[in-house]
Amino acid sequence: MGFSVLGLLLLGLQAVPEALQPKNVADFVVFEREVAEPVSEGESLRLYDVHIAIMYDRTHNWCEQEGFREQLTWTYAADGGNLILGEFAISCREARRVSRRYGLDSALEFMVPERRQSRWQRFVNRLHPLTDSESDLSLP
């Protein structure tokens, strides 16, 4: 399975600041079902790693551009929204810190510079979606 650039481009068009719901919630929906697959053959970076990087990068950008100062809770779903993978709450402060530390940049070919990919993967492996008791959202 290859990396879906089209999926990310469509996502970029859907997840705009105006689409934020009242509780600072954004949907991150990808077409791929198997997000543990590598970005490309021979790579260790997984689609999941790139998706998390995009969530941090987008949160950081929204905070900087929109004067947004709280947190953004992402609902992450695969398979076109049919497979809910969890919710991730990212504060503006955390997004800024993480984006700078790992050099995240959506303008790059890969969100995470190659020299920082193994560190990024260790960071992502320590992240966990919100538990039901931590989540303000009620999923059906």
N, C-alpha and C. Protein backbone atom coordinates (compact mmCIF):
# COMPACT_ATOMS: atom_id res chain seq x y z
N MET A 1 0.84 -1.18 0.00
CA MET A 1 0.00 0.00 0.00
C MET A 1 0.88 1.24 0.00
N GLY A 2 0.60 2.20 -0.85
CA GLY A 2 1.40 3.40 -0.95
C GLY A 2 0.80 4.56 -0.18
N PHE A 3 1.55 5.59 -0.09
CA PHE A 3 1.17 6.81 0.60
C PHE A 3 0.19 7.57 -0.28
N SER A 4 -0.94 7.96 0.26
CA SER A 4 -1.97 8.62 -0.53
C SER A 4 -1.82 10.14 -0.48
N VAL A 5 -1.11 10.69 -1.45
CA VAL A 5 -0.97 12.14 -1.51
C VAL A 5 -2.34 12.77 -1.77
N LEU A 6 -3.13 12.15 -2.63
CA LEU A 6 -4.46 12.67 -2.92
C LEU A 6 -5.29 12.74 -1.64
N GLY A 7 -5.21 11.70 -0.83
CA GLY A 7 -5.95 11.69 0.43
C GLY A 7 -5.57 12.86 1.31
N LEU A 8 -4.28 13.15 1.41
CA LEU A 8 -3.84 14.26 2.24
C LEU A 8 -4.22 15.60 1.63
N LEU A 9 -4.19 15.69 0.29
CA LEU A 9 -4.60 16.94 -0.33
C LEU A 9 -6.08 17.20 -0.09
N LEU A 10 -6.90 16.18 -0.21
CA LEU A 10 -8.32 16.35 0.05
C LEU A 10 -8.55 16.68 1.52
N LEU A 11 -7.80 16.05 2.39
CA LEU A 11 -7.90 16.35 3.80
C LEU A 11 -7.59 17.82 4.05
N GLY A 12 -6.52 18.30 3.39
CA GLY A 12 -6.13 19.69 3.58
C GLY A 12 -7.24 20.65 3.19
N LEU A 13 -8.02 20.29 2.21
CA LEU A 13 -9.12 21.15 1.80
C LEU A 13 -10.30 21.07 2.76
N GLN A 14 -10.46 19.93 3.43
CA GLN A 14 -11.58 19.75 4.33
C GLN A 14 -11.32 20.33 5.72
N ALA A 15 -10.08 20.23 6.22
CA ALA A 15 -9.78 20.62 7.58
C ALA A 15 -9.25 22.05 7.62
N VAL A 16 -10.14 23.00 7.44
CA VAL A 16 -9.76 24.41 7.48
C VAL A 16 -10.31 25.02 8.76
N PRO A 17 -9.73 26.12 9.23
CA PRO A 17 -10.17 26.70 10.51
C PRO A 17 -11.67 26.96 10.59
N GLU A 18 -12.27 27.36 9.47
CA GLU A 18 -13.72 27.64 9.51
C GLU A 18 -14.52 26.38 9.80
N ALA A 19 -13.93 25.22 9.58
CA ALA A 19 -14.64 23.96 9.79
C ALA A 19 -14.60 23.52 11.26
N LEU A 20 -13.91 24.27 12.11
CA LEU A 20 -13.84 23.91 13.52
C LEU A 20 -15.22 23.99 14.13
N GLN A 21 -15.52 23.02 14.94
CA GLN A 21 -16.80 23.00 15.64
C GLN A 21 -16.66 23.86 16.90
N PRO A 22 -17.76 24.17 17.56
CA PRO A 22 -17.72 25.07 18.71
C PRO A 22 -16.75 24.66 19.82
N LYS A 23 -16.51 23.38 20.01
CA LYS A 23 -15.63 22.94 21.08
C LYS A 23 -14.19 22.73 20.61
N ASN A 24 -13.78 23.45 19.58
CA ASN A 24 -12.42 23.35 19.04
C ASN A 24 -12.08 21.92 18.64
N VAL A 25 -12.94 21.35 17.83
CA VAL A 25 -12.78 19.98 17.37
C VAL A 25 -12.60 19.99 15.86
N ALA A 26 -11.65 19.18 15.39
CA ALA A 26 -11.45 19.05 13.95
C ALA A 26 -11.38 17.56 13.61
N ASP A 27 -11.86 17.21 12.44
CA ASP A 27 -11.80 15.83 11.98
C ASP A 27 -10.57 15.64 11.10
N PHE A 28 -9.87 14.54 11.32
CA PHE A 28 -8.73 14.17 10.49
C PHE A 28 -9.07 12.82 9.89
N VAL A 29 -9.55 12.83 8.65
CA VAL A 29 -10.03 11.61 7.99
C VAL A 29 -9.12 11.31 6.81
N VAL A 30 -8.62 10.05 6.76
CA VAL A 30 -7.77 9.62 5.66
C VAL A 30 -8.43 8.45 4.94
N PHE A 31 -8.04 8.24 3.70
CA PHE A 31 -8.63 7.17 2.91
C PHE A 31 -8.04 5.80 3.24
N GLU A 32 -6.77 5.78 3.67
CA GLU A 32 -6.11 4.51 3.96
C GLU A 32 -6.78 3.80 5.13
N ARG A 33 -6.83 2.48 5.06
CA ARG A 33 -7.36 1.69 6.17
C ARG A 33 -6.23 1.25 7.09
N GLU A 34 -5.11 0.88 6.52
CA GLU A 34 -3.96 0.37 7.28
C GLU A 34 -2.95 1.50 7.48
N VAL A 35 -3.07 2.23 8.56
CA VAL A 35 -2.19 3.38 8.79
C VAL A 35 -0.84 2.98 9.36
N ALA A 36 -0.66 1.71 9.69
CA ALA A 36 0.63 1.23 10.19
C ALA A 36 1.57 0.88 9.04
N GLU A 37 1.10 0.99 7.81
CA GLU A 37 1.92 0.71 6.63
C GLU A 37 2.99 1.79 6.49
N PRO A 38 4.16 1.44 5.95
CA PRO A 38 5.19 2.46 5.71
C PRO A 38 4.74 3.46 4.65
N VAL A 39 5.28 4.66 4.74
CA VAL A 39 4.96 5.71 3.78
C VAL A 39 5.30 5.25 2.36
N SER A 40 6.45 4.60 2.23
CA SER A 40 6.84 3.99 0.96
C SER A 40 7.73 2.80 1.26
N GLU A 41 7.89 1.95 0.27
CA GLU A 41 8.66 0.73 0.48
C GLU A 41 10.08 1.05 0.93
N GLY A 42 10.52 0.34 1.94
CA GLY A 42 11.86 0.54 2.48
C GLY A 42 11.95 1.64 3.53
N GLU A 43 10.87 2.34 3.77
CA GLU A 43 10.85 3.41 4.77
C GLU A 43 10.38 2.86 6.12
N SER A 44 10.89 3.43 7.19
CA SER A 44 10.39 3.05 8.51
C SER A 44 9.26 3.97 8.97
N LEU A 45 9.18 5.16 8.40
CA LEU A 45 8.12 6.10 8.76
C LEU A 45 6.77 5.55 8.28
N ARG A 46 5.83 5.46 9.20
CA ARG A 46 4.51 4.93 8.88
C ARG A 46 3.54 6.06 8.51
N LEU A 47 2.45 5.71 7.86
CA LEU A 47 1.41 6.68 7.57
C LEU A 47 0.92 7.33 8.87
N TYR A 48 0.76 6.52 9.91
CA TYR A 48 0.32 7.02 11.22
C TYR A 48 1.26 8.13 11.71
N ASP A 49 2.57 7.94 11.57
CA ASP A 49 3.54 8.94 12.00
C ASP A 49 3.34 10.25 11.25
N VAL A 50 3.10 10.15 9.95
CA VAL A 50 2.88 11.34 9.13
C VAL A 50 1.56 12.01 9.51
N HIS A 51 0.53 11.22 9.74
CA HIS A 51 -0.77 11.79 10.11
C HIS A 51 -0.68 12.58 11.43
N ILE A 52 0.02 12.02 12.40
CA ILE A 52 0.19 12.72 13.69
C ILE A 52 0.98 14.01 13.47
N ALA A 53 2.02 13.94 12.63
CA ALA A 53 2.81 15.14 12.32
C ALA A 53 1.94 16.22 11.70
N ILE A 54 1.05 15.83 10.81
CA ILE A 54 0.17 16.81 10.16
C ILE A 54 -0.77 17.44 11.20
N MET A 55 -1.28 16.64 12.13
CA MET A 55 -2.14 17.20 13.18
C MET A 55 -1.40 18.25 14.00
N TYR A 56 -0.16 17.95 14.38
CA TYR A 56 0.63 18.92 15.13
C TYR A 56 0.94 20.16 14.30
N ASP A 57 1.32 19.96 13.04
CA ASP A 57 1.66 21.07 12.17
C ASP A 57 0.44 21.96 11.92
N ARG A 58 -0.71 21.36 11.63
CA ARG A 58 -1.93 22.15 11.39
C ARG A 58 -2.36 22.90 12.65
N THR A 59 -2.25 22.25 13.80
CA THR A 59 -2.61 22.92 15.05
C THR A 59 -1.69 24.12 15.26
N HIS A 60 -0.41 23.91 15.06
CA HIS A 60 0.56 25.00 15.21
C HIS A 60 0.24 26.15 14.25
N ASN A 61 -0.02 25.83 12.99
CA ASN A 61 -0.34 26.87 11.99
C ASN A 61 -1.60 27.63 12.37
N TRP A 62 -2.65 26.92 12.79
CA TRP A 62 -3.89 27.59 13.17
C TRP A 62 -3.67 28.50 14.36
N CYS A 63 -2.90 28.04 15.31
CA CYS A 63 -2.63 28.85 16.50
C CYS A 63 -1.89 30.13 16.11
N GLU A 64 -0.93 30.02 15.22
CA GLU A 64 -0.14 31.18 14.79
C GLU A 64 -0.94 32.14 13.91
N GLN A 65 -1.67 31.61 12.96
CA GLN A 65 -2.36 32.44 11.98
C GLN A 65 -3.66 33.03 12.51
N GLU A 66 -4.36 32.27 13.32
CA GLU A 66 -5.69 32.70 13.76
C GLU A 66 -5.70 33.31 15.15
N GLY A 67 -4.54 33.37 15.78
CA GLY A 67 -4.52 33.88 17.14
C GLY A 67 -5.22 32.94 18.11
N PHE A 68 -5.34 31.71 17.70
CA PHE A 68 -6.00 30.66 18.48
C PHE A 68 -5.08 30.31 19.63
N ARG A 69 -5.55 30.25 20.88
CA ARG A 69 -4.66 30.06 22.01
C ARG A 69 -5.05 28.91 22.93
N GLU A 70 -5.94 28.07 22.51
CA GLU A 70 -6.40 26.99 23.38
C GLU A 70 -5.82 25.67 22.93
N GLN A 71 -6.68 24.70 22.80
CA GLN A 71 -6.26 23.40 22.27
C GLN A 71 -7.24 22.98 21.20
N LEU A 72 -6.78 22.09 20.36
CA LEU A 72 -7.60 21.54 19.30
C LEU A 72 -7.69 20.04 19.54
N THR A 73 -8.88 19.50 19.51
CA THR A 73 -9.07 18.06 19.67
C THR A 73 -9.40 17.48 18.31
N TRP A 74 -8.52 16.61 17.86
CA TRP A 74 -8.67 15.97 16.56
C TRP A 74 -9.35 14.62 16.72
N THR A 75 -10.36 14.37 15.94
CA THR A 75 -10.92 13.03 15.81
C THR A 75 -10.26 12.40 14.60
N TYR A 76 -9.49 11.35 14.83
CA TYR A 76 -8.68 10.71 13.78
C TYR A 76 -9.40 9.46 13.30
N ALA A 77 -9.66 9.40 11.99
CA ALA A 77 -10.37 8.26 11.42
C ALA A 77 -9.71 7.84 10.12
N ALA A 78 -9.70 6.54 9.89
CA ALA A 78 -9.15 5.96 8.66
C ALA A 78 -10.29 5.38 7.83
N ASP A 79 -9.94 4.84 6.68
CA ASP A 79 -10.92 4.19 5.80
C ASP A 79 -12.08 5.13 5.48
N GLY A 80 -11.74 6.37 5.14
CA GLY A 80 -12.75 7.34 4.76
C GLY A 80 -13.71 7.72 5.87
N GLY A 81 -13.32 7.51 7.12
CA GLY A 81 -14.17 7.86 8.27
C GLY A 81 -14.86 6.66 8.89
N ASN A 82 -14.69 5.47 8.29
CA ASN A 82 -15.36 4.28 8.80
C ASN A 82 -14.66 3.64 9.99
N LEU A 83 -13.40 4.00 10.24
CA LEU A 83 -12.61 3.39 11.31
C LEU A 83 -12.07 4.50 12.21
N ILE A 84 -12.72 4.70 13.36
CA ILE A 84 -12.29 5.74 14.30
C ILE A 84 -11.05 5.24 15.05
N LEU A 85 -9.97 6.01 14.96
CA LEU A 85 -8.72 5.62 15.61
C LEU A 85 -8.48 6.34 16.92
N GLY A 86 -9.31 7.30 17.24
CA GLY A 86 -9.19 7.99 18.53
C GLY A 86 -9.20 9.49 18.38
N GLU A 87 -9.08 10.14 19.54
CA GLU A 87 -9.04 11.59 19.60
C GLU A 87 -7.72 12.01 20.22
N PHE A 88 -7.17 13.09 19.68
CA PHE A 88 -5.90 13.63 20.17
C PHE A 88 -6.10 15.10 20.48
N ALA A 89 -5.89 15.49 21.72
CA ALA A 89 -5.98 16.89 22.13
C ALA A 89 -4.59 17.50 22.08
N ILE A 90 -4.44 18.55 21.28
CA ILE A 90 -3.14 19.20 21.11
C ILE A 90 -3.30 20.68 21.44
N SER A 91 -2.61 21.11 22.48
CA SER A 91 -2.68 22.52 22.86
C SER A 91 -1.78 23.33 21.93
N CYS A 92 -2.04 24.62 21.86
CA CYS A 92 -1.20 25.50 21.03
C CYS A 92 0.23 25.47 21.53
N ARG A 93 0.40 25.48 22.82
CA ARG A 93 1.75 25.47 23.40
C ARG A 93 2.50 24.19 23.01
N GLU A 94 1.83 23.04 23.14
CA GLU A 94 2.43 21.77 22.79
C GLU A 94 2.71 21.69 21.28
N ALA A 95 1.80 22.18 20.47
CA ALA A 95 1.98 22.16 19.01
C ALA A 95 3.20 22.98 18.61
N ARG A 96 3.35 24.14 19.21
CA ARG A 96 4.50 25.01 18.91
C ARG A 96 5.81 24.33 19.32
N ARG A 97 5.82 23.77 20.54
CA ARG A 97 7.03 23.12 21.06
C ARG A 97 7.42 21.92 20.19
N VAL A 98 6.45 21.08 19.87
CA VAL A 98 6.71 19.86 19.09
C VAL A 98 7.11 20.20 17.66
N SER A 99 6.43 21.15 17.04
CA SER A 99 6.75 21.54 15.66
C SER A 99 8.18 22.05 15.55
N ARG A 100 8.59 22.85 16.52
CA ARG A 100 9.96 23.38 16.50
C ARG A 100 10.99 22.30 16.81
N ARG A 101 10.70 21.48 17.80
CA ARG A 101 11.65 20.45 18.22
C ARG A 101 11.96 19.46 17.10
N TYR A 102 10.91 19.05 16.37
CA TYR A 102 11.09 18.03 15.35
C TYR A 102 11.16 18.60 13.94
N GLY A 103 11.05 19.91 13.79
CA GLY A 103 11.16 20.53 12.47
C GLY A 103 10.03 20.16 11.54
N LEU A 104 8.80 20.04 12.07
CA LEU A 104 7.66 19.68 11.24
C LEU A 104 7.36 20.80 10.26
N ASP A 105 7.07 20.43 9.03
CA ASP A 105 6.78 21.43 8.01
C ASP A 105 6.00 20.79 6.88
N SER A 106 4.75 21.19 6.72
CA SER A 106 3.91 20.59 5.69
C SER A 106 4.36 20.97 4.29
N ALA A 107 5.25 21.94 4.16
CA ALA A 107 5.75 22.31 2.84
C ALA A 107 6.83 21.35 2.35
N LEU A 108 7.37 20.53 3.24
CA LEU A 108 8.41 19.58 2.85
C LEU A 108 7.80 18.36 2.17
N GLU A 109 8.63 17.62 1.43
CA GLU A 109 8.17 16.37 0.81
C GLU A 109 7.67 15.41 1.88
N PHE A 110 8.42 15.29 2.96
CA PHE A 110 7.97 14.53 4.13
C PHE A 110 7.78 15.52 5.26
N MET A 111 6.74 15.35 6.02
CA MET A 111 6.44 16.25 7.13
C MET A 111 7.58 16.34 8.13
N VAL A 112 8.27 15.23 8.34
CA VAL A 112 9.33 15.16 9.34
C VAL A 112 10.67 15.04 8.59
N PRO A 113 11.60 15.96 8.84
CA PRO A 113 12.90 15.84 8.16
C PRO A 113 13.54 14.49 8.43
N GLU A 114 14.21 13.95 7.44
CA GLU A 114 14.77 12.59 7.54
C GLU A 114 15.66 12.41 8.76
N ARG A 115 16.44 13.41 9.09
CA ARG A 115 17.37 13.28 10.21
C ARG A 115 16.66 13.21 11.56
N ARG A 116 15.38 13.54 11.59
CA ARG A 116 14.63 13.52 12.85
C ARG A 116 13.55 12.45 12.89
N GLN A 117 13.48 11.61 11.88
CA GLN A 117 12.38 10.65 11.80
C GLN A 117 12.39 9.61 12.91
N SER A 118 13.55 9.10 13.29
CA SER A 118 13.56 8.08 14.35
C SER A 118 13.15 8.69 15.68
N ARG A 119 13.59 9.93 15.96
CA ARG A 119 13.15 10.60 17.19
C ARG A 119 11.64 10.86 17.14
N TRP A 120 11.16 11.24 15.97
CA TRP A 120 9.73 11.50 15.82
C TRP A 120 8.93 10.23 16.10
N GLN A 121 9.38 9.10 15.58
CA GLN A 121 8.67 7.84 15.80
C GLN A 121 8.65 7.47 17.28
N ARG A 122 9.74 7.71 18.00
CA ARG A 122 9.74 7.44 19.44
C ARG A 122 8.72 8.32 20.15
N PHE A 123 8.64 9.58 19.73
CA PHE A 123 7.65 10.51 20.31
C PHE A 123 6.23 10.00 20.04
N VAL A 124 5.94 9.66 18.79
CA VAL A 124 4.60 9.20 18.41
C VAL A 124 4.24 7.91 19.15
N ASN A 125 5.21 7.02 19.32
CA ASN A 125 4.93 5.76 20.02
C ASN A 125 4.55 5.97 21.49
N ARG A 126 4.93 7.11 22.04
CA ARG A 126 4.55 7.42 23.43
C ARG A 126 3.19 8.11 23.52
N LEU A 127 2.67 8.60 22.40
CA LEU A 127 1.36 9.26 22.38
C LEU A 127 0.24 8.23 22.43
N HIS A 128 -0.83 8.59 23.06
CA HIS A 128 -2.00 7.73 23.08
C HIS A 128 -3.24 8.59 22.87
N PRO A 129 -4.23 8.06 22.16
CA PRO A 129 -5.48 8.81 22.02
C PRO A 129 -6.10 9.04 23.41
N LEU A 130 -6.96 10.03 23.49
CA LEU A 130 -7.67 10.30 24.73
C LEU A 130 -8.51 9.09 25.13
N THR A 131 -8.63 8.86 26.41
CA THR A 131 -9.53 7.82 26.89
C THR A 131 -10.94 8.39 26.90
N ASP A 132 -11.93 7.54 27.05
CA ASP A 132 -13.32 8.01 27.08
C ASP A 132 -13.55 9.02 28.19
N SER A 133 -12.90 8.83 29.33
CA SER A 133 -13.10 9.75 30.46
C SER A 133 -12.43 11.09 30.22
N GLU A 134 -11.41 11.15 29.36
CA GLU A 134 -10.72 12.41 29.04
C GLU A 134 -11.39 13.19 27.92
N SER A 135 -12.17 12.49 27.13
CA SER A 135 -12.77 13.09 25.95
C SER A 135 -14.03 13.86 26.30
N ASP A 136 -14.16 15.06 25.69
CA ASP A 136 -15.39 15.85 25.84
C ASP A 136 -16.41 15.48 24.77
N LEU A 137 -15.96 14.69 23.83
CA LEU A 137 -16.84 14.34 22.70
C LEU A 137 -17.59 13.06 23.01
N SER A 138 -18.80 12.98 22.55
CA SER A 138 -19.53 11.73 22.69
C SER A 138 -19.68 11.12 21.30
N LEU A 139 -18.91 10.09 21.06
CA LEU A 139 -18.97 9.43 19.76
C LEU A 139 -20.13 8.45 19.75
N PRO A 140 -20.83 8.35 18.64
CA PRO A 140 -21.97 7.42 18.58
C PRO A 140 -21.52 5.99 18.68
